[in-house]
Structure formats: C-alpha cells, structure tokens
Protein backbone atom coordinates (compact mmCIF):
# COMPACT_ATOMS: atom_id res chain seq x y z
CA GLY A 1 53.96 173.54 83.81
CA LEU A 2 55.42 175.96 81.22
CA LEU A 3 53.68 176.68 77.98
CA TYR A 4 55.56 177.54 74.90
CA THR A 5 55.29 177.57 71.15
CA VAL A 6 56.47 174.71 69.04
CA ALA A 7 55.66 175.81 65.64
CA GLY A 8 54.13 178.97 64.07
CA SER A 9 54.61 182.69 64.27
CA GLY A 10 51.09 183.50 64.83
CA SER A 11 50.70 184.63 61.26
CA ALA A 12 48.34 182.72 58.79
CA GLY A 13 49.97 181.52 55.58
CA PHE A 14 52.46 179.23 54.32
CA LEU A 15 56.29 179.84 54.91
CA ASN A 16 58.52 177.11 56.19
CA GLY A 17 60.33 179.04 58.75
CA GLY A 18 60.23 182.37 56.76
CA TYR A 19 61.50 180.60 53.68
CA SER A 20 59.79 179.80 50.53
CA GLY A 21 61.29 176.23 50.44
CA THR A 22 61.54 173.69 53.36
CA GLY A 23 63.85 173.34 56.13
CA GLY A 24 63.28 176.41 58.11
CA PRO A 25 62.93 177.00 61.91
CA ALA A 26 59.22 175.82 63.08
CA SER A 27 58.85 178.94 65.43
CA ARG A 28 59.23 181.41 62.32
CA ALA A 29 56.84 179.30 60.06
CA ARG A 30 53.44 180.61 59.17
CA LEU A 31 50.79 177.95 59.72
CA ALA A 32 47.44 177.67 57.65
CA ALA A 33 44.72 176.88 60.18
CA PRO A 34 46.16 173.65 61.35
CA ARG A 35 43.20 171.18 61.88
CA ALA A 36 45.13 167.95 63.22
CA VAL A 37 48.31 167.36 65.12
CA LEU A 38 49.94 163.91 65.73
CA LEU A 39 53.01 163.18 67.85
CA PHE A 40 55.13 160.15 66.93
CA GLY A 41 58.31 159.90 68.36
CA SER A 42 60.36 163.18 67.83
CA ALA A 43 58.12 164.04 64.85
CA LEU A 44 55.07 166.31 65.22
CA TYR A 45 52.81 166.21 62.11
CA ASP A 46 50.00 168.72 61.30
CA ALA A 47 47.47 169.12 58.48
CA GLU A 48 46.73 172.68 57.26
CA VAL A 49 43.60 173.61 55.21
CA GLN A 50 43.26 177.63 54.85
CA ASP A 51 42.95 179.20 51.45
CA ASN A 52 45.59 177.73 49.00
CA ASN A 53 47.54 176.01 51.73
CA HIS A 54 46.42 172.47 51.73
CA ARG A 55 49.54 170.69 53.07
CA VAL A 56 50.78 168.18 55.52
CA ARG A 57 53.90 169.39 57.38
CA VAL A 58 55.95 167.89 60.01
CA VAL A 59 58.27 169.50 62.71
CA ASP A 60 61.50 167.62 63.76
CA LEU A 61 61.18 168.30 67.70
CA ASP A 62 64.95 167.58 68.12
CA SER A 63 66.22 169.92 65.41
CA GLU A 64 62.92 172.26 65.60
CA ILE A 65 62.91 172.20 61.59
CA ILE A 66 59.69 172.21 59.88
CA SER A 67 59.17 170.72 56.41
CA THR A 68 56.39 169.96 54.01
CA LEU A 69 55.49 166.25 53.61
CA ALA A 70 52.55 166.54 51.11
CA GLY A 71 50.72 169.11 49.03
CA GLN A 72 51.56 172.00 46.76
CA GLY A 73 49.12 174.24 48.30
CA PRO A 74 46.08 174.72 46.08
CA ALA A 75 42.95 172.30 46.53
CA GLY A 76 43.00 169.33 44.09
CA SER A 77 42.94 165.65 43.96
CA THR A 78 46.06 164.66 41.69
CA GLY A 79 49.30 162.94 42.33
CA ASP A 80 48.64 159.42 43.57
CA GLY A 81 51.47 157.22 42.85
CA ALA A 82 54.05 159.85 42.63
CA ALA A 83 55.85 162.28 45.05
CA ALA A 84 53.65 163.63 47.74
CA LEU A 85 55.20 167.12 47.52
CA SER A 86 53.75 167.33 43.97
CA ALA A 87 50.20 166.06 45.02
CA LEU A 88 47.24 168.26 45.60
CA LEU A 89 45.16 167.73 48.63
CA ASN A 90 41.54 169.08 49.55
CA PHE A 91 41.07 169.78 53.02
CA PRO A 92 43.32 167.48 54.78
CA TYR A 93 41.63 167.11 58.18
CA GLY A 94 43.26 164.14 60.10
CA VAL A 95 46.42 162.27 60.28
CA ALA A 96 47.64 158.92 61.85
CA ARG A 97 50.88 157.03 61.50
CA ARG A 98 51.86 153.30 61.44
CA LEU A 99 55.42 152.28 61.08
CA ASP A 100 56.75 154.11 58.00
CA HIS A 101 53.44 155.31 56.68
CA LEU A 102 51.33 158.41 57.53
CA TYR A 103 47.55 158.39 56.56
CA VAL A 104 45.77 161.49 55.78
CA ALA A 105 41.89 162.07 55.75
CA ASP A 106 41.70 164.11 52.59
CA MET A 107 38.30 165.28 53.53
CA LEU A 108 36.79 166.97 50.36
CA ASN A 109 38.34 164.53 48.12
CA GLN A 110 36.36 162.02 50.00
CA LYS A 111 39.26 159.49 50.57
CA VAL A 112 42.21 158.55 52.76
CA ARG A 113 45.61 158.82 51.37
CA CYS A 114 48.95 157.21 52.46
CA ILE A 115 52.37 158.83 52.42
CA ASP A 116 55.24 156.35 52.37
CA LEU A 117 57.79 158.13 54.56
CA VAL A 118 60.66 156.37 53.06
CA SER A 119 59.94 156.73 49.33
CA GLY A 120 58.02 159.93 49.79
CA VAL A 121 55.26 158.57 47.48
CA ILE A 122 51.49 159.15 48.22
CA GLU A 123 48.56 156.87 47.28
CA GLN A 124 44.99 156.58 47.56
CA VAL A 125 44.22 153.77 49.98
CA ILE A 126 40.65 154.24 51.08
CA GLY A 127 37.61 155.69 49.26
CA SER A 128 36.58 156.00 45.50
CA GLY A 129 36.54 159.74 45.56
CA LEU A 130 32.67 159.90 45.68
CA ALA A 131 30.74 160.84 48.91
CA GLY A 132 28.92 157.99 50.53
CA SER A 133 29.01 155.05 53.05
CA SER A 134 28.89 151.94 50.84
CA GLY A 135 31.47 149.17 50.25
CA ASP A 136 31.72 147.46 53.60
CA PHE A 137 33.72 144.13 53.44
CA GLY A 138 35.06 145.06 50.11
CA PRO A 139 38.27 146.58 48.73
CA SER A 140 38.86 149.79 50.59
CA THR A 141 39.71 151.69 47.28
CA SER A 142 36.36 150.93 45.91
CA ALA A 143 34.36 151.87 49.02
CA GLN A 144 32.74 155.16 49.51
CA VAL A 145 33.54 157.40 52.54
CA ASN A 146 31.50 160.67 53.41
CA THR A 147 33.83 163.53 54.51
CA PRO A 148 36.44 161.57 56.46
CA ALA A 149 37.71 163.54 59.25
CA ALA A 150 39.56 162.12 62.42
CA LEU A 151 41.85 159.19 62.03
CA SER A 152 43.05 156.78 64.75
CA ILE A 153 45.44 153.81 64.37
CA ARG A 154 45.78 150.77 66.98
CA GLY A 155 47.97 147.79 65.84
CA SER A 156 46.94 147.19 62.04
CA ARG A 157 43.52 148.76 62.28
CA LEU A 158 42.64 152.38 61.24
CA TRP A 159 39.57 153.99 62.46
CA ILE A 160 37.84 156.79 60.40
CA SER A 161 35.29 159.20 61.48
CA GLU A 162 32.98 160.25 58.72
CA GLN A 163 31.66 163.64 59.59
CA GLN A 164 28.65 163.85 57.13
CA GLY A 165 28.06 159.93 57.20
CA HIS A 166 27.58 160.03 60.79
CA ILE A 167 29.55 156.74 61.28
CA ILE A 168 32.84 155.45 62.46
CA ARG A 169 34.41 152.76 60.13
CA GLN A 170 37.47 150.43 60.58
CA VAL A 171 39.86 149.35 57.89
CA LEU A 172 42.48 146.57 58.04
CA LEU A 173 45.41 148.26 56.66
CA GLU A 174 47.14 145.04 55.17
CA ASP A 175 45.42 143.55 52.13
CA LYS A 176 48.36 141.82 50.71
CA PRO A 177 51.07 139.66 51.88
CA SER A 178 54.22 141.47 53.41
CA GLY A 179 57.79 141.33 52.02
CA PHE A 180 59.01 140.17 55.29
CA MET A 181 58.28 136.61 54.48
CA SER A 182 58.25 134.49 51.15
CA ARG A 183 57.59 130.81 50.56
CA VAL A 184 60.78 129.02 49.37
CA ALA A 185 59.63 125.41 49.28
CA ARG A 186 56.59 123.10 49.52
CA LYS A 187 55.61 119.36 49.37
CA ARG A 188 51.89 118.07 48.80
CA GLY A 189 50.62 115.20 50.50
CA SER A 190 51.03 112.89 47.46
CA GLU A 191 54.71 114.05 47.16
CA ILE A 192 55.29 113.11 50.73
CA GLY A 193 53.55 109.90 50.65
CA VAL A 194 50.92 110.39 53.13
CA GLY A 195 48.02 110.89 50.60
CA THR A 196 44.91 112.57 52.04
CA THR A 197 45.82 113.97 55.40
CA TYR A 198 44.16 115.78 58.17
CA GLY A 199 47.27 117.79 58.93
CA PHE A 200 50.74 117.83 60.53
CA GLN A 201 50.23 118.75 64.00
CA ALA A 202 53.01 116.80 65.43
CA PHE A 203 55.88 118.83 64.00
CA THR A 204 59.29 119.25 65.35
CA THR A 205 63.08 119.44 64.50
CA ASP A 206 66.24 118.01 65.98
CA GLY A 207 68.29 120.60 64.21
CA HIS A 208 69.42 118.07 61.43
CA PHE A 209 66.05 116.92 60.04
CA GLY A 210 62.23 117.85 60.50
CA TYR A 211 59.74 115.31 61.83
CA ALA A 212 56.11 115.40 61.14
CA GLY A 213 53.02 113.16 62.13
CA SER A 214 49.90 113.02 59.96
CA ALA A 215 46.57 111.74 60.61
CA THR A 216 44.97 109.95 57.70
CA ASN A 217 41.54 109.99 55.77
CA PRO A 218 39.57 108.07 57.04
CA PRO A 219 40.45 108.85 60.60
CA ILE A 220 40.42 105.21 61.68
CA SER A 221 43.34 104.49 59.39
CA PRO A 222 46.86 104.20 61.11
CA GLY A 223 48.81 107.52 61.21
CA LYS A 224 51.97 108.21 59.42
CA LEU A 225 55.31 109.61 60.34
CA VAL A 226 57.69 111.45 58.12
CA GLN A 227 61.44 112.40 58.58
CA PHE A 228 62.26 115.13 56.12
CA SER A 229 65.07 117.43 54.95
CA LEU A 230 65.34 120.82 56.24
CA SER A 231 66.85 122.11 53.08
CA ASP A 232 64.42 121.11 50.51
CA LEU A 233 61.51 119.15 52.24
CA SER A 234 62.64 115.98 50.59
CA ILE A 235 61.47 113.00 52.23
CA ILE A 236 64.11 110.76 54.28
CA LYS A 237 61.99 108.14 55.52
CA LEU A 238 58.13 107.48 55.93
CA VAL A 239 56.67 105.37 58.68
CA THR A 240 53.30 103.86 58.80
CA LEU A 241 51.98 103.14 62.14
CA ALA A 242 50.29 100.00 63.45
CA GLY A 243 46.53 99.61 63.55
CA GLY A 244 45.07 101.51 66.41
CA GLU A 245 47.91 104.04 66.34
CA LEU A 246 45.88 107.03 65.14
CA THR A 247 46.15 110.84 64.81
CA PRO A 248 49.78 111.80 65.92
CA ARG A 249 49.04 115.25 67.66
CA ILE A 250 52.42 116.21 69.26
CA ALA A 251 56.00 115.35 68.84
CA VAL A 252 59.08 116.45 71.14
CA THR A 253 62.79 115.73 70.87
CA ASN A 254 66.01 115.80 72.96
CA GLY A 255 68.12 115.51 69.89
CA GLU A 256 68.71 111.78 70.76
CA TYR A 257 65.19 110.56 70.42
CA VAL A 258 62.03 112.00 69.17
CA LEU A 259 58.60 111.07 70.89
CA PHE A 260 55.15 111.28 69.30
CA GLY A 261 51.87 111.41 71.42
CA LEU A 262 48.76 110.08 69.86
CA HIS A 263 45.21 111.39 70.18
CA THR A 264 43.78 108.10 71.20
CA SER A 265 41.79 106.63 74.17
CA PRO A 266 43.94 105.70 76.23
CA GLY A 267 46.70 107.87 74.98
CA LYS A 268 49.78 106.36 73.28
CA ILE A 269 53.47 107.46 73.04
CA LEU A 270 55.98 106.29 70.56
CA GLN A 271 59.77 106.68 70.78
CA PHE A 272 62.22 106.71 67.73
CA LYS A 273 65.77 106.93 67.63
CA VAL A 274 67.20 109.72 65.59
CA PRO A 275 68.63 110.29 63.20
CA SER A 276 68.13 106.77 62.13
CA PHE A 277 64.41 107.28 62.81
CA THR A 278 63.74 103.75 64.00
CA LYS A 279 61.45 102.69 66.46
CA VAL A 280 62.74 102.03 70.05
CA GLY A 281 60.76 99.40 71.97
CA PRO A 282 56.90 98.92 71.88
CA THR A 283 54.42 101.70 71.93
CA LEU A 284 53.55 102.82 75.46
CA THR A 285 49.90 102.89 76.08
CA LEU A 286 48.93 104.99 79.06
CA LEU A 287 46.41 104.10 81.96
CA GLN A 288 42.66 103.92 81.42
CA GLY A 289 41.34 107.54 81.83
CA GLU A 290 44.67 109.16 80.59
CA ASP A 291 43.59 109.92 77.11
CA PHE A 292 44.39 112.09 74.20
CA VAL A 293 47.95 113.19 74.28
CA ASP A 294 47.64 116.68 72.63
CA CYS A 295 50.60 118.68 73.84
CA GLY A 296 54.17 118.30 75.28
CA SER A 297 57.56 119.67 75.74
CA SER A 298 60.94 118.30 76.39
CA ASP A 299 64.43 118.92 77.87
CA ALA A 300 67.69 116.91 77.70
CA ASP A 301 66.52 114.35 80.15
CA TYR A 302 62.61 114.36 80.26
CA ALA A 303 59.55 114.49 78.04
CA PHE A 304 56.45 116.06 79.25
CA PHE A 305 52.90 115.47 77.74
CA GLY A 306 49.66 117.13 78.41
CA LEU A 307 46.35 115.10 78.29
CA HIS A 308 43.23 116.51 76.87
CA THR A 309 41.23 114.71 79.69
CA ASN A 310 38.74 115.93 82.43
CA PRO A 311 40.42 116.64 84.79
CA ALA A 312 43.57 117.34 82.87
CA ALA A 313 46.81 115.56 83.52
CA ILE A 314 50.55 115.89 82.74
CA VAL A 315 52.89 112.85 82.38
CA LYS A 316 56.54 113.02 82.83
CA LEU A 317 58.75 110.60 80.95
CA ASN A 318 62.55 109.68 81.15
CA PHE A 319 63.95 109.70 77.56
CA ASN A 320 66.71 106.91 78.30
CA ASP A 321 65.59 104.94 81.16
CA VAL A 322 65.90 101.12 80.45
CA ARG A 323 64.34 100.01 83.76
CA GLN A 324 60.78 98.58 83.64
CA LEU A 325 57.81 100.78 84.19
CA SER A 326 55.63 100.40 87.24
CA ALA A 327 53.58 97.26 87.60
CA ALA A 328 50.41 98.88 86.16
CA TYR A 329 51.77 99.11 82.70
CA ASP A 330 53.46 95.43 82.78
CA PRO A 331 55.87 96.39 79.84
CA PRO A 332 58.51 93.88 78.38
CA ASP A 333 62.15 94.37 79.36
CA SER A 334 62.98 96.13 76.20
CA GLU A 335 60.95 99.33 77.19
CA HIS A 336 63.38 102.18 76.66
CA PHE A 337 61.47 105.22 78.42
CA SER A 338 59.49 105.18 81.57
CA VAL A 339 56.79 107.27 83.34
CA VAL A 340 58.55 109.02 86.16
CA GLY A 341 55.68 111.25 87.16
CA ARG A 342 52.08 112.28 86.64
CA SER A 343 50.04 114.98 88.08
CA ARG A 344 46.46 115.74 87.88
CA LEU A 345 45.58 119.54 87.85
CA THR A 346 43.25 121.13 90.39
CA ALA A 347 40.44 122.20 87.91
CA SER A 348 38.84 120.57 84.88
CA ARG A 349 40.87 121.61 82.14
CA LEU A 350 41.48 120.07 78.92
CA LEU A 351 45.18 120.67 77.93
CA SER A 352 45.87 121.58 74.28
CA ALA A 353 49.06 123.58 74.43
CA MET A 354 52.32 123.38 76.34
CA THR A 355 55.98 125.17 76.52
CA ALA A 356 58.50 125.07 79.03
CA ASP A 357 61.63 127.09 80.41
CA ALA A 358 64.49 125.69 82.53
CA GLU A 359 62.42 125.11 85.48
CA HIS A 360 58.73 125.09 84.72
CA LEU A 361 56.11 123.92 82.36
CA TYR A 362 53.41 126.22 81.13
CA ALA A 363 50.28 124.24 79.97
CA ALA A 364 47.16 125.67 78.50
CA GLY A 365 43.60 124.31 78.58
CA GLN A 366 40.13 125.05 78.84
CA GLU A 367 38.39 125.65 82.33
CA LEU A 368 35.01 123.86 81.74
CA SER A 369 33.05 125.66 84.53
CA SER A 370 33.63 129.01 83.02
CA ASN A 371 34.49 128.29 79.37
CA THR A 372 37.79 130.14 79.76
CA ALA A 373 41.29 129.43 78.64
CA VAL A 374 43.62 128.98 81.49
CA VAL A 375 47.35 128.66 81.65
CA VAL A 376 48.85 126.54 84.47
CA LYS A 377 52.38 127.02 85.75
CA VAL A 378 53.98 123.71 86.94
CA ARG A 379 57.21 122.77 88.44
CA LYS A 380 59.24 120.40 86.34
CA SER A 381 60.72 118.71 89.31
CA ASP A 382 57.49 117.42 90.98
CA LEU A 383 54.75 118.33 88.65
CA GLN A 384 53.16 120.67 91.33
CA GLU A 385 51.35 123.86 90.32
CA ALA A 386 53.13 127.22 90.93
CA GLY A 387 50.54 129.64 89.47
CA GLN A 388 47.81 130.15 87.11
CA PHE A 389 46.58 132.73 84.57
CA ARG A 390 42.91 132.97 83.34
CA ALA A 391 42.29 134.42 79.83
CA ALA A 392 39.29 136.56 80.89
CA ARG A 393 39.49 140.42 80.75
CA ALA A 394 36.62 143.11 80.29
CA TRP A 395 37.98 143.78 76.66
CA TRP A 396 39.34 140.29 75.74
CA SER A 397 38.64 136.63 76.36
CA MET A 398 39.58 133.29 75.07
CA ALA A 399 37.74 130.18 75.50
CA LEU A 400 39.87 127.51 73.81
CA PRO A 401 43.76 127.84 73.64
CA THR A 402 45.53 126.24 70.79
CA ALA A 403 49.22 127.36 71.07
CA LEU A 404 51.89 128.65 73.54
CA ALA A 405 55.35 130.00 72.89
CA ILE A 406 58.06 131.24 75.35
CA SER A 407 60.71 133.99 74.78
CA GLY A 408 62.92 135.04 77.61
CA ARG A 409 60.62 136.00 80.55
CA HIS A 410 57.38 136.05 78.71
CA LEU A 411 54.73 133.59 77.41
CA PHE A 412 52.66 134.14 74.32
CA LEU A 413 49.27 132.48 74.24
CA ALA A 414 46.87 131.95 71.12
CA GLY A 415 43.63 130.22 70.63
CA GLN A 416 40.19 130.52 68.87
CA SER A 417 40.23 134.14 69.08
CA ARG A 418 41.75 137.01 67.17
CA PHE A 419 44.04 137.90 70.11
CA VAL A 420 47.57 136.79 70.99
CA ALA A 421 48.40 137.53 74.57
CA LYS A 422 51.75 138.23 76.12
CA ILE A 423 52.16 136.99 79.71
CA ARG A 424 54.91 137.63 82.23
CA THR A 425 56.38 134.11 83.38
CA ALA A 426 57.42 135.28 86.75
CA ASP A 427 53.79 135.96 88.01
CA LEU A 428 51.72 135.12 85.12
CA ARG A 429 50.50 138.68 84.72
CA LEU A 430 49.01 139.85 81.37
CA VAL A 431 51.58 142.24 79.65
CA GLY A 432 49.75 143.17 76.55
CA THR A 433 47.56 141.77 73.68
CA ALA A 434 47.66 142.00 69.88
CA GLU A 435 44.32 142.02 68.11
CA LEU A 436 44.58 140.31 64.65
CA PHE A 437 42.10 140.84 61.68
CA GLU A 438 38.41 139.91 62.52
CA GLY A 439 37.08 137.47 60.16
CA VAL A 440 40.34 136.41 58.57
CA GLU A 441 42.86 135.70 61.57
CA ASP A 442 40.43 134.95 64.36
CA VAL A 443 41.30 131.20 64.77
CA LEU A 444 45.01 130.72 65.69
CA LYS A 445 46.50 127.26 65.58
CA SER A 446 50.17 127.59 66.20
CA LEU A 447 52.88 129.62 67.48
CA ALA A 448 56.68 129.94 66.94
CA ASN A 449 59.34 132.53 67.87
CA ASP A 450 62.96 133.41 67.35
CA GLY A 451 63.20 135.80 70.17
CA ALA A 452 62.81 138.90 68.09
CA ASP A 453 59.62 138.02 66.16
CA LEU A 454 56.44 135.86 67.07
CA PHE A 455 54.75 133.81 64.12
CA ALA A 456 51.14 132.77 64.43
CA GLY A 457 49.41 130.49 62.19
CA ALA A 458 45.88 131.69 61.48
CA ALA A 459 43.02 129.20 60.28
CA VAL A 460 39.85 130.97 58.80
CA SER A 461 38.36 129.17 55.84
CA GLY A 462 39.65 130.70 52.45
CA SER A 463 42.28 132.91 54.27
CA GLN A 464 45.08 130.78 55.68
CA ARG A 465 48.27 132.68 56.69
CA VAL A 466 51.09 132.98 59.14
CA VAL A 467 51.18 136.46 60.74
CA ARG A 468 54.48 137.98 61.95
CA LEU A 469 54.48 140.12 65.24
CA ARG A 470 57.30 141.88 66.97
CA ALA A 471 57.94 140.05 70.26
CA SER A 472 58.75 143.22 72.40
CA ASP A 473 55.60 145.21 71.79
CA LEU A 474 53.36 142.83 69.66
CA GLN A 475 53.39 145.18 66.65
CA ARG A 476 52.61 143.61 63.42
CA ARG A 477 55.10 143.24 60.93
CA GLY A 478 53.23 141.52 57.97
CA PHE A 479 52.12 138.09 56.96
CA LEU A 480 52.42 135.40 54.57
CA ALA A 481 49.24 133.96 52.60
CA PHE A 482 49.23 130.46 51.79
CA ASP A 483 47.63 129.10 48.43
CA GLY A 484 48.22 126.66 45.76
CA LEU A 485 49.02 123.34 47.61
CA SER A 486 45.59 121.88 47.96
CA GLU A 487 44.91 118.85 45.70
CA ASN A 488 41.12 118.63 46.28
CA GLY A 489 39.83 121.77 44.55
CA ALA A 490 40.04 123.82 47.70
CA THR A 491 41.08 127.44 47.37
CA ASP A 492 43.54 127.44 50.28
CA ASP A 493 46.13 125.44 51.86
CA GLY A 494 44.26 124.52 55.18
CA HIS A 495 45.30 125.95 58.38
CA SER A 496 49.17 126.04 59.60
CA ALA A 497 48.76 123.43 62.32
CA GLY A 498 52.35 123.17 63.32
CA LEU A 499 55.22 125.66 63.31
CA PHE A 500 59.01 125.40 64.17
CA LEU A 501 62.03 127.81 63.12
CA HIS A 502 65.40 126.59 61.83
CA ARG A 503 68.26 128.73 60.74
CA GLY A 504 65.99 131.79 59.67
CA LYS A 505 63.47 129.60 57.99
CA LEU A 506 59.86 129.00 59.34
CA PHE A 507 58.44 125.26 58.60
CA SER A 508 54.61 125.18 58.53
CA GLY A 509 52.70 121.92 58.70
CA HIS A 510 49.22 122.12 57.13
CA SER A 511 45.87 120.46 57.06
CA THR A 512 45.43 120.60 53.39
CA GLN A 513 44.54 117.59 51.29
C-alpha cells in the first residue's frame, strides 16, 4: 500500500497549516508530539502535549484542513462550561467520540472532559481533579481518577485506562434523561378506577382508543379492562371482569374487535366489539393443559395467542367466525370467534412474547433444557415451524425473553438481560446487539418501534425508564426516566410493562400502585 502524510510538516510546534489562527492545510501544520489519534467518519482527531501546546485538533479529511478544537496551549485546568478554544488542558492523552461529543483524557488534570461539537463548550464529566481511584458507583464528577490515558467507547459506555491507578474503569455516559423524549400526560390507578394494580401488561390501540387490561391486588380479584382516550388518557369505559377472570396479560385487535388473553389455568380469552367496547359472547375457556395466555399477535382475520405452557403452544382464532367451536368446547350458539388451529412446538418452551409479519409468527420463550431464550418462526397458515433462533453466544446470552418487536426485515428481542438483540427474519441470524446500562437497565419488559427507532421499557427497582435506540444500528439515542406516579410511597413508577406508539407518541402501561 501507499504511505503518505495526512497532517504535520515534520517540525514540532503549533501552527495550523502555517498560520497563527485556524483553518490551514493539514500537511503544512506543525504538530506538538501527538499522543492519540481517532478517526470518526471524515474527521481525524489528535491530542498534542509538547511544551506549551496542550491542544486537541481535528483534520477534515475531505478538505484536508486542520483546526483547533480545544486548548489555548499553556498547561492549565480552566474553562469548564465555556468555549473549548479558551480552555486550558494539561497533557491531553486520549480521545474518544460518541455522537456529537468528543471525550478527552486530561491526564495531569486527573479528569476526563467533554467537548460538545455543536456548541463548542467543554465541561468536566469524570474526575474530581484529585488523583486516586475512589468513587465507584457514584457520580462520575465526584470520583477520583489516576492519570487517565487511553479512552474507548462502545455504545453508551466509556472505558478509561488509568496509567498510575493500574486499572481500567467504565462509565455510563448518560446520567440524566434525554431531550428526545418528555412525558406529556399520566394517569394514576385511582384516577383510572382500577385502584391498586399489578400493571397494565395487556396494552394495545385500534388507532382511535387505547385499551388496557389490569390485574388487581389481591391477585385473586377479577381483572379490570379500560378503554381510554389517546389524547389525554381520560377513561372512556371501565369493565370489571367476572369471578375467575384474572390477570389480563395480552391484548390484540384487528380494528373491529379487541381480544384479551388471561393468565389463568386453563387459559381464557375474551372478545370485545370496538369502539363500543361491549363484550361479544361468553368467555372462551381453552382446553385443560392450555394454560396461561401470555402473548399474542393479530392480523385482519386471525388472532394468535402463545401459551406459557410446557410444551409451549400457539392457538389461532378467527375473529368473526359465528360457527360453533369444536365439540370439545361445547360453546353456545352465540359464540363469535373460534379456534381454527393449534400447534405444540417441538421443544419445551414457555412462550412469553410474540410478533408477526405478513406470513409468519415469531414467538419467544424459554427452552427449559438449556435455560436459554428461543425465538421460533411459525407459518401463519398452518402453524408449522419454519426456523428458530437460540439466544446464546460466547459474549451474550438471555434466559427469559419478555418482548419482541418487528421492523421491516428484522426482529428485536429483549428479556431479563441488559441486551437487545437484532435478528434477521429471513434466516433468524443475529445481526447485532445493544448493551444497556448494567444495574439500571438489565431487566427489559417491553418493546415498541416506529421503523426508525426502537423503544425498550426497563424494569430495575428504583430506576424505571424507557430507552430509545436507533433501529438501524442499535445506537442509543436517550432515555426517559419515570417518577411521581406511585401512590404507595415508592420512589419510582414501577416497570413499563406495555408499550405502543400512536402518531408520534409513546404510550406506556406501568405496574405502579
């Protein structure tokens, strides 16, 4: 290959392309002992540390122009909260970039600083300025670091090597909610009329109204169903179920009917006409052994429900079939939906999440023999298996899946781990994973997507939030923390158990009391 000079004339010092200012040809510039380089797109960053040239500079590889980003030159530790060009650095040794932020290891100042590449402002983000290795699991600006040197970023995590501390430490870059999302409305359980609740897991919309099913406390009490306004969350109608109709776990709709699956043994399914939200026919009770209707999906003609049984099973129902069911069910003539197919899957799996495209269902459950999450691809037409994906890799695994979402040719899988997996639907091959924050986002309960972005509901005690990821590459775009809804003295809003999107708004059903 060919070797050529990108920046630097070979003489030590500081000149931007032979000029005292900025904006000169990189090949004519003097560099002052560059210690770190970082290539990000068409930008090449370097940190310089010699004599009175403590600066961070960048070369635009398209124009071949070099510019100064931070540092006046002399060693110092001033300028946080102001223009990076006016700041003083002391031996900047490493650089790393995430989105529009450049992180600089300001080695002899014992801190890491961040340059906002849009506003040009620099601020201290890690380190108190005193050498040491204290402060783990606390605010990063109060912690001590000991001669931070090399930096590396993956996703939302920044790794720092401490040269004199002889350790490598990890920092979660987001410690406050993102401006990408903000809460616009909320309703407490008492305002809704459900009182103390175990959460709205059955959560869907027909495009005109929202529908939610709630278990009650104690759990032997009948469940409650709610029809609510999508504009302000006001309650349109509240339905209290009959005795023995407990724990609504999944809701699906074709725009004409909404069906609720109950976590009972045997499983039960209720059908309501919308928008009047009136019950159609009696409750359908499944066969013995067909227990716990925990997940589902639907299209215009059929509803599909996954059972949390061993072995797992999928039940297919016709929304509008007024014929009687099979003799095994012995329903009255008024039955308005019927089971038209059922399939038991080949391995012992407890189904807990489901989504679908035009031709296939994708059902996620737990393979008991290996304690591993499995996604099974099933043809809608005959409920026969067409492939499977096992969530076990050398660097990543998931035992219990909780949510699936689909966008174009890809599936997204989440569960009781801090990873979100992206899987190709054609062959169920893993495309990539996003690693969320350990300790605060490592139990995921729900997923929703709008094509461009993926939203994941996290459920760790004291840190309940919805995380936003870019669907194309799973890069983090921020999060929204929840607080202030609880009526029982708790400090958080419980986990986000159900999500759906409608006209640019994300609706989240919670387990708060």
